[in-house]
Amino acid sequence: MKRVYILTNGPGELWDWARPLAHELNQRGIRPVLWLLPCQYASGMERACAKSLPFYDVIGPYGWAKTFYELRRAKDVGLIVQLGGDLMFGRFLSKATNAELFCYTYGKKKGLSSCSCVFTAYEIMARNIESDGVYPIVIGDLVADSLKLDLEQRREASLPVEDSSSFKVAFFPGSRPAIRRRALPFLCEVYEHLSSILDADVVTLLSPFSFDEEVKIWEDAGLNPSRESTPVALKGVDLALTQPGTNTLELLYLKVPTLVAVPYVFLEDIPFSGLKRFIFRLPLVKTRLLKVFSENKKMLSWPNIIMGKELIPELVGDYAPRQIAEKMANYLCDNSWLKNISDLMSKFSSVQGASRRLTEEIIGCLP
């Protein structure tokens, strides 16, 4: 029997993209195979978490050499859907098995022209991809479907929001363990300064791929960590502090006022692959170049890119914890800003359905 193979790499792609697609395929009687690709951002928990999802089988992750060796040996591949990671893996498997290759992406990727179909979330993303001569189909955002899945699965577990006279803030330290380790002392200082300005409770959203030992460290730091689904963890939150990435889309769809922060102190922790990895290891090169890139890039968060203007404030520069805390306090005390940004976020409520549309395309092309 020929099967649908979903290729993915990092924790975000697995949870926010592959998970809702797997559930939709399963509802149509199709249990896909998940192939975890080599990923420098991996937490080490991806395989264990994937085992709880409706996949027929979970393969990998392996090192690069073994990945290509196993791809060459695959025999039951009916169709390939790549969700994140280098397309050389999907292209290799497609060539080895003569199966069609689909790709869902937010932006340009090398090798998209080799795909049978390319899918994306928004028209603005499609226009960017089209500049490379590839014409993607806009189907909506898989992240929105992932949130919908969380709401459906956690409805009974959701607790009522307790009345409180204090503000509640949420920290998103990221899905990558190395950056979370660097973020811990920084966010401790942010919360300490914020608490000295106003009365504020905090919840820190850790990746569902975080180990128990890491959760304990954040608990001991007083930052109230949670591995709950995003909709549950954000109950009653007035303002979120996050970094660029899919978290900004989750916060957008949940209508949570948000600040995006990229302090220069974190730029040295951003990982790269291939030749870039060696170039950026040179003393001071990585920090200097990334500062130039961040200064020249007008918008970093997806909501701002989609709207074409700043909806979510972006704090990019030599920000110290105290400065970020002061910015947070100013926004928390600005009721008109909080209401206005929530109202603007409400315009993005109709992007669900990507997993259903992608499943229909898959079914239509299965041999």
Protein backbone atom coordinates (compact mmCIF):
# COMPACT_ATOMS: atom_id res chain seq x y z
CA MET A 1 0.00 0.00 0.00
CA LYS A 2 1.33 3.41 -1.00
CA ARG A 3 1.38 5.96 1.82
CA VAL A 4 1.58 9.71 2.29
CA TYR A 5 4.98 10.69 3.67
CA ILE A 6 5.21 13.92 5.66
CA LEU A 7 8.76 15.25 5.91
CA THR A 8 9.45 17.83 8.59
CA ASN A 9 12.33 18.99 10.73
CA GLY A 10 12.03 21.37 13.70
CA PRO A 11 9.67 21.36 16.69
CA GLY A 12 7.58 24.25 15.36
CA GLU A 13 6.97 22.62 11.99
CA LEU A 14 6.06 19.31 13.61
CA TRP A 15 3.59 20.75 16.10
CA ASP A 16 2.08 23.64 14.13
CA TRP A 17 2.11 22.21 10.58
CA ALA A 18 2.44 18.42 10.55
CA ARG A 19 0.14 17.80 13.51
CA PRO A 20 -3.04 19.41 12.08
CA LEU A 21 -2.40 17.87 8.66
CA ALA A 22 -1.98 14.41 10.21
CA HIS A 23 -5.25 14.78 12.11
CA GLU A 24 -7.12 15.86 8.97
CA LEU A 25 -5.67 13.00 6.93
CA ASN A 26 -6.56 10.56 9.70
CA GLN A 27 -10.18 11.76 9.63
CA ARG A 28 -10.22 10.85 5.91
CA GLY A 29 -8.92 7.35 6.65
CA ILE A 30 -5.31 8.11 5.70
CA ARG A 31 -2.59 7.50 8.30
CA PRO A 32 0.55 9.22 7.04
CA VAL A 33 4.16 8.31 7.74
CA LEU A 34 6.20 11.01 9.48
CA TRP A 35 9.86 11.39 8.58
CA LEU A 36 11.83 13.58 10.99
CA LEU A 37 14.69 15.21 9.10
CA PRO A 38 18.05 16.31 10.54
CA CYS A 39 17.55 19.66 12.29
CA GLN A 40 19.93 21.94 14.15
CA TYR A 41 16.96 23.37 16.04
CA ALA A 42 15.71 20.00 17.32
CA SER A 43 15.07 19.57 21.05
CA GLY A 44 15.52 15.80 21.15
CA MET A 45 11.87 15.27 22.13
CA GLU A 46 10.35 15.38 18.64
CA ARG A 47 10.15 11.62 18.16
CA ALA A 48 8.53 11.03 21.55
CA CYS A 49 5.94 13.75 20.92
CA ALA A 50 5.27 12.49 17.39
CA LYS A 51 4.43 9.06 18.80
CA SER A 52 1.34 10.60 20.43
CA LEU A 53 0.06 11.84 17.05
CA PRO A 54 -1.94 9.83 14.47
CA PHE A 55 0.95 8.71 12.28
CA TYR A 56 1.20 5.21 10.83
CA ASP A 57 4.91 5.27 11.55
CA VAL A 58 7.61 7.71 12.67
CA ILE A 59 11.02 7.53 10.98
CA GLY A 60 14.15 9.31 12.18
CA PRO A 61 15.68 11.61 13.00
CA TYR A 62 18.99 10.31 11.70
CA GLY A 63 22.24 11.94 10.75
CA TRP A 64 22.57 13.23 7.20
CA ALA A 65 24.28 10.15 5.75
CA LYS A 66 21.83 7.67 7.26
CA THR A 67 18.89 9.88 6.24
CA PHE A 68 19.88 9.67 2.56
CA TYR A 69 20.59 5.96 2.90
CA GLU A 70 17.12 5.31 4.34
CA LEU A 71 15.40 7.63 1.84
CA ARG A 72 16.88 5.56 -0.99
CA ARG A 73 15.44 2.38 0.57
CA ALA A 74 11.86 3.68 0.98
CA LYS A 75 9.42 1.48 -0.97
CA ASP A 76 5.84 2.43 -0.07
CA VAL A 77 5.86 6.15 -0.92
CA GLY A 78 2.70 7.33 -2.67
CA LEU A 79 3.05 11.09 -2.20
CA ILE A 80 5.47 13.35 -0.31
CA VAL A 81 4.53 16.49 1.62
CA GLN A 82 7.46 18.51 2.92
CA LEU A 83 6.74 20.86 5.81
CA GLY A 84 9.96 22.68 6.65
CA GLY A 85 13.57 21.72 6.22
CA ASP A 86 15.85 21.57 3.20
CA LEU A 87 13.99 20.48 0.07
CA MET A 88 16.95 18.37 -1.03
CA PHE A 89 15.50 15.60 1.16
CA GLY A 90 12.06 15.73 -0.43
CA ARG A 91 13.53 16.03 -3.91
CA PHE A 92 15.81 13.06 -3.30
CA LEU A 93 12.92 10.91 -2.05
CA SER A 94 10.72 12.01 -4.94
CA LYS A 95 13.38 11.08 -7.49
CA ALA A 96 14.10 7.75 -5.78
CA THR A 97 10.43 6.70 -5.63
CA ASN A 98 8.90 8.61 -8.55
CA ALA A 99 6.34 10.07 -6.11
CA GLU A 100 4.97 13.58 -6.41
CA LEU A 101 6.38 16.20 -4.04
CA PHE A 102 4.20 18.84 -2.34
CA CYS A 103 5.62 21.65 -0.23
CA TYR A 104 3.96 24.07 2.21
CA THR A 105 6.06 27.14 2.94
CA TYR A 106 5.81 30.74 4.10
CA GLY A 107 8.55 31.93 1.76
CA LYS A 108 11.12 31.17 -0.91
CA LYS A 109 13.03 27.90 -0.73
CA LYS A 110 15.69 26.47 -3.00
CA GLY A 111 14.18 23.68 -5.07
CA LEU A 112 10.53 24.77 -5.08
CA SER A 113 10.47 24.55 -8.87
CA SER A 114 10.95 20.77 -8.52
CA CYS A 115 7.72 20.39 -6.55
CA SER A 116 4.48 19.24 -8.16
CA CYS A 117 2.54 21.73 -6.02
CA VAL A 118 3.55 24.50 -3.64
CA PHE A 119 1.19 25.84 -0.98
CA THR A 120 1.31 28.87 1.29
CA ALA A 121 -0.81 30.75 3.81
CA TYR A 122 -1.31 34.31 2.52
CA GLU A 123 -1.37 36.21 -0.76
CA ILE A 124 1.59 38.35 0.31
CA MET A 125 3.62 35.17 0.87
CA ALA A 126 2.54 33.87 -2.54
CA ARG A 127 3.66 37.09 -4.26
CA ASN A 128 7.08 36.80 -2.66
CA ILE A 129 7.45 33.18 -3.79
CA GLU A 130 6.19 34.00 -7.30
CA SER A 131 9.18 36.30 -7.84
CA ASP A 132 11.21 33.08 -8.24
CA GLY A 133 8.91 31.81 -10.99
CA VAL A 134 6.95 29.45 -8.72
CA TYR A 135 3.20 29.93 -8.37
CA PRO A 136 1.91 28.63 -5.03
CA ILE A 137 -1.69 27.92 -4.07
CA VAL A 138 -2.94 30.00 -1.13
CA ILE A 139 -4.78 27.64 1.25
CA GLY A 140 -4.65 29.40 4.63
CA ASP A 141 -2.45 28.94 7.66
CA LEU A 142 -1.75 25.54 9.23
CA VAL A 143 -0.90 27.38 12.47
CA ALA A 144 -4.53 28.50 12.71
CA ASP A 145 -5.63 24.87 12.32
CA SER A 146 -3.17 23.84 15.01
CA LEU A 147 -4.74 26.33 17.42
CA LYS A 148 -8.21 25.11 16.49
CA LEU A 149 -7.08 21.59 17.29
CA ASP A 150 -5.79 22.73 20.68
CA LEU A 151 -9.09 24.41 21.48
CA GLU A 152 -11.07 21.31 20.53
CA GLN A 153 -8.84 18.93 22.47
CA ARG A 154 -8.46 21.10 25.56
CA ARG A 155 -11.96 22.52 25.88
CA GLU A 156 -12.82 20.32 28.83
CA ALA A 157 -9.48 20.96 30.52
CA SER A 158 -9.73 24.74 30.25
CA LEU A 159 -10.12 26.44 33.60
CA PRO A 160 -12.07 29.65 34.22
CA VAL A 161 -9.98 32.79 34.49
CA GLU A 162 -9.64 33.91 38.08
CA ASP A 163 -10.53 37.49 38.94
CA SER A 164 -7.41 39.50 39.68
CA SER A 165 -6.54 43.14 40.07
CA SER A 166 -3.06 42.51 38.66
CA PHE A 167 -1.96 42.40 35.05
CA LYS A 168 -0.93 39.11 33.49
CA VAL A 169 1.93 38.82 31.01
CA ALA A 170 3.23 35.90 28.96
CA PHE A 171 6.82 35.19 27.97
CA PHE A 172 7.70 33.14 24.87
CA PRO A 173 11.39 32.16 25.22
CA GLY A 174 11.37 30.16 21.96
CA SER A 175 11.33 26.55 20.78
CA ARG A 176 15.12 26.15 20.66
CA PRO A 177 16.80 24.97 23.87
CA ALA A 178 19.97 27.06 23.44
CA ILE A 179 18.04 30.30 23.05
CA ARG A 180 15.78 29.43 26.00
CA ARG A 181 18.84 28.94 28.20
CA ARG A 182 20.11 32.38 27.21
CA ALA A 183 16.66 33.91 27.65
CA LEU A 184 16.15 32.67 31.22
CA PRO A 185 18.32 35.21 33.10
CA PHE A 186 17.24 37.98 30.72
CA LEU A 187 13.53 37.33 31.28
CA CYS A 188 14.09 37.02 35.03
CA GLU A 189 15.40 40.58 34.97
CA VAL A 190 12.55 41.76 32.76
CA TYR A 191 9.98 40.35 35.17
CA GLU A 192 11.82 41.72 38.20
CA HIS A 193 11.81 45.24 36.76
CA LEU A 194 8.21 44.93 35.54
CA SER A 195 7.06 43.82 39.00
CA SER A 196 8.75 46.86 40.53
CA ILE A 197 6.64 49.12 38.28
CA LEU A 198 3.24 47.46 38.56
CA ASP A 199 1.51 44.36 39.92
CA ALA A 200 1.89 41.64 37.28
CA ASP A 201 1.57 37.86 37.18
CA VAL A 202 3.52 35.89 34.59
CA VAL A 203 3.24 32.66 32.63
CA THR A 204 6.13 31.38 30.50
CA LEU A 205 5.14 29.20 27.55
CA LEU A 206 7.71 26.47 27.13
CA SER A 207 7.80 24.20 24.12
CA PRO A 208 5.82 20.95 24.47
CA PHE A 209 9.18 19.36 23.62
CA SER A 210 10.83 20.72 26.80
CA PHE A 211 12.24 18.25 29.30
CA ASP A 212 10.96 18.07 32.89
CA GLU A 213 14.34 19.23 34.18
CA GLU A 214 14.05 22.45 32.19
CA VAL A 215 10.53 23.09 33.47
CA LYS A 216 11.88 22.78 37.02
CA ILE A 217 14.58 25.37 36.31
CA TRP A 218 11.99 27.89 35.10
CA GLU A 219 9.80 27.11 38.11
CA ASP A 220 12.69 27.76 40.48
CA ALA A 221 13.27 31.08 38.70
CA GLY A 222 9.69 32.13 39.53
CA LEU A 223 8.56 32.46 35.91
CA ASN A 224 5.60 30.02 36.12
CA PRO A 225 6.40 27.75 33.13
CA SER A 226 3.64 25.97 31.21
CA ARG A 227 3.70 23.26 28.55
CA GLU A 228 -0.05 23.57 28.09
CA SER A 229 -1.44 24.35 24.66
CA THR A 230 -1.13 28.01 23.72
CA PRO A 231 -4.87 28.85 24.00
CA VAL A 232 -5.04 27.37 27.52
CA ALA A 233 -1.79 28.92 28.75
CA LEU A 234 -2.80 32.37 27.49
CA LYS A 235 -6.09 32.52 29.39
CA GLY A 236 -6.38 35.98 30.94
CA VAL A 237 -3.09 37.29 29.49
CA ASP A 238 -3.03 41.05 28.86
CA LEU A 239 0.29 41.28 26.99
CA ALA A 240 2.77 38.80 25.51
CA LEU A 241 6.50 39.24 24.94
CA THR A 242 7.90 37.06 22.17
CA GLN A 243 10.44 36.87 19.37
CA PRO A 244 9.89 36.70 15.58
CA GLY A 245 8.42 33.40 14.42
CA THR A 246 5.20 31.41 14.30
CA ASN A 247 4.43 32.45 17.89
CA THR A 248 3.47 35.85 16.51
CA LEU A 249 0.83 34.18 14.33
CA GLU A 250 -0.57 32.22 17.28
CA LEU A 251 -0.85 35.42 19.28
CA LEU A 252 -2.43 37.17 16.31
CA TYR A 253 -5.17 34.56 15.91
CA LEU A 254 -5.82 34.50 19.67
CA LYS A 255 -6.03 38.32 19.70
CA VAL A 256 -3.44 38.73 22.45
CA PRO A 257 -1.65 42.14 22.41
CA THR A 258 2.00 41.45 21.74
CA LEU A 259 5.49 42.94 21.78
CA VAL A 260 8.25 41.39 19.67
CA ALA A 261 11.75 41.79 21.10
CA VAL A 262 15.10 41.14 19.43
CA PRO A 263 17.78 42.39 21.85
CA TYR A 264 21.21 42.34 20.25
CA VAL A 265 22.50 40.23 23.15
CA PHE A 266 20.67 37.26 21.59
CA LEU A 267 21.98 37.64 18.05
CA GLU A 268 25.06 35.53 18.76
CA ASP A 269 22.80 32.58 19.67
CA ILE A 270 20.99 32.38 16.32
CA PRO A 271 22.12 29.12 14.65
CA PHE A 272 23.04 28.78 10.99
CA SER A 273 23.85 25.82 8.76
CA GLY A 274 26.31 25.12 5.98
CA LEU A 275 28.85 27.76 4.93
CA LYS A 276 27.05 30.42 6.97
CA ARG A 277 27.82 28.45 10.14
CA PHE A 278 31.59 28.74 9.56
CA ILE A 279 31.48 32.38 8.44
CA PHE A 280 29.46 33.45 11.46
CA ARG A 281 31.85 31.67 13.83
CA LEU A 282 34.54 34.23 13.02
CA PRO A 283 35.06 36.71 15.88
CA LEU A 284 32.56 39.58 15.84
CA VAL A 285 31.42 38.78 12.27
CA LYS A 286 28.08 37.25 13.23
CA THR A 287 27.11 40.01 15.66
CA ARG A 288 28.10 42.84 13.30
CA LEU A 289 26.36 41.40 10.26
CA LEU A 290 23.19 40.51 12.13
CA LYS A 291 23.00 44.02 13.53
CA VAL A 292 23.16 45.40 10.00
CA PHE A 293 20.49 42.95 8.81
CA SER A 294 18.15 43.77 11.70
CA GLU A 295 18.59 47.52 11.22
CA ASN A 296 17.79 47.27 7.51
CA LYS A 297 14.84 44.89 7.87
CA LYS A 298 11.73 46.97 8.35
CA MET A 299 9.42 44.26 9.69
CA LEU A 300 10.28 40.97 11.37
CA SER A 301 7.00 39.58 12.71
CA TRP A 302 4.51 37.86 10.43
CA PRO A 303 1.47 39.98 11.43
CA ASN A 304 3.34 43.14 10.43
CA ILE A 305 4.56 41.61 7.18
CA ILE A 306 1.05 40.43 6.30
CA MET A 307 -0.52 43.81 7.04
CA GLY A 308 2.27 45.81 5.45
CA LYS A 309 2.49 48.06 8.51
CA GLU A 310 3.35 47.79 12.17
CA LEU A 311 0.55 46.14 14.09
CA ILE A 312 2.85 44.60 16.70
CA PRO A 313 5.61 46.83 18.11
CA GLU A 314 9.08 45.44 17.39
CA LEU A 315 11.87 46.22 19.84
CA VAL A 316 15.08 45.60 17.89
CA GLY A 317 18.34 46.97 19.25
CA ASP A 318 20.54 47.18 22.34
CA TYR A 319 17.62 46.78 24.72
CA ALA A 320 18.36 45.96 28.35
CA PRO A 321 15.81 44.05 30.48
CA ARG A 322 14.83 47.25 32.32
CA GLN A 323 14.03 49.03 29.05
CA ILE A 324 11.85 46.18 27.82
CA ALA A 325 10.04 46.06 31.17
CA GLU A 326 9.35 49.79 30.94
CA LYS A 327 7.97 49.37 27.42
CA MET A 328 5.72 46.56 28.62
CA ALA A 329 4.46 48.64 31.53
CA ASN A 330 3.65 51.55 29.21
CA TYR A 331 1.60 49.36 26.89
CA LEU A 332 -0.16 47.58 29.76
CA CYS A 333 -1.31 50.91 31.15
CA ASP A 334 -2.58 52.10 27.75
CA ASN A 335 -6.12 50.70 27.64
CA SER A 336 -6.90 52.28 24.28
CA TRP A 337 -3.86 50.62 22.68
CA LEU A 338 -4.75 47.23 24.17
CA LYS A 339 -8.32 47.45 22.85
CA ASN A 340 -7.30 48.78 19.45
CA ILE A 341 -4.73 46.07 18.78
CA SER A 342 -7.18 43.34 19.83
CA ASP A 343 -9.77 44.77 17.43
CA LEU A 344 -7.26 44.86 14.57
CA MET A 345 -6.24 41.27 15.28
CA SER A 346 -9.87 40.21 14.94
CA LYS A 347 -9.60 40.75 11.17
CA PHE A 348 -7.56 37.56 10.88
CA SER A 349 -10.22 35.06 11.91
CA SER A 350 -10.85 33.38 8.54
CA VAL A 351 -7.52 31.67 7.76
CA GLN A 352 -8.44 28.22 9.09
CA GLY A 353 -8.95 25.28 6.76
CA ALA A 354 -5.44 24.86 5.37
CA SER A 355 -5.19 21.24 6.54
CA ARG A 356 -8.54 20.42 4.92
CA ARG A 357 -7.58 22.04 1.60
CA LEU A 358 -4.16 20.42 1.59
CA THR A 359 -5.72 17.03 2.36
CA GLU A 360 -8.10 17.44 -0.58
CA GLU A 361 -5.15 18.18 -2.88
CA ILE A 362 -3.32 15.13 -1.52
CA ILE A 363 -6.30 12.81 -2.03
CA GLY A 364 -6.71 14.10 -5.57
CA CYS A 365 -3.13 13.15 -6.44
CA LEU A 366 -2.73 9.84 -4.60
CA PRO A 367 -1.98 6.93 -6.96
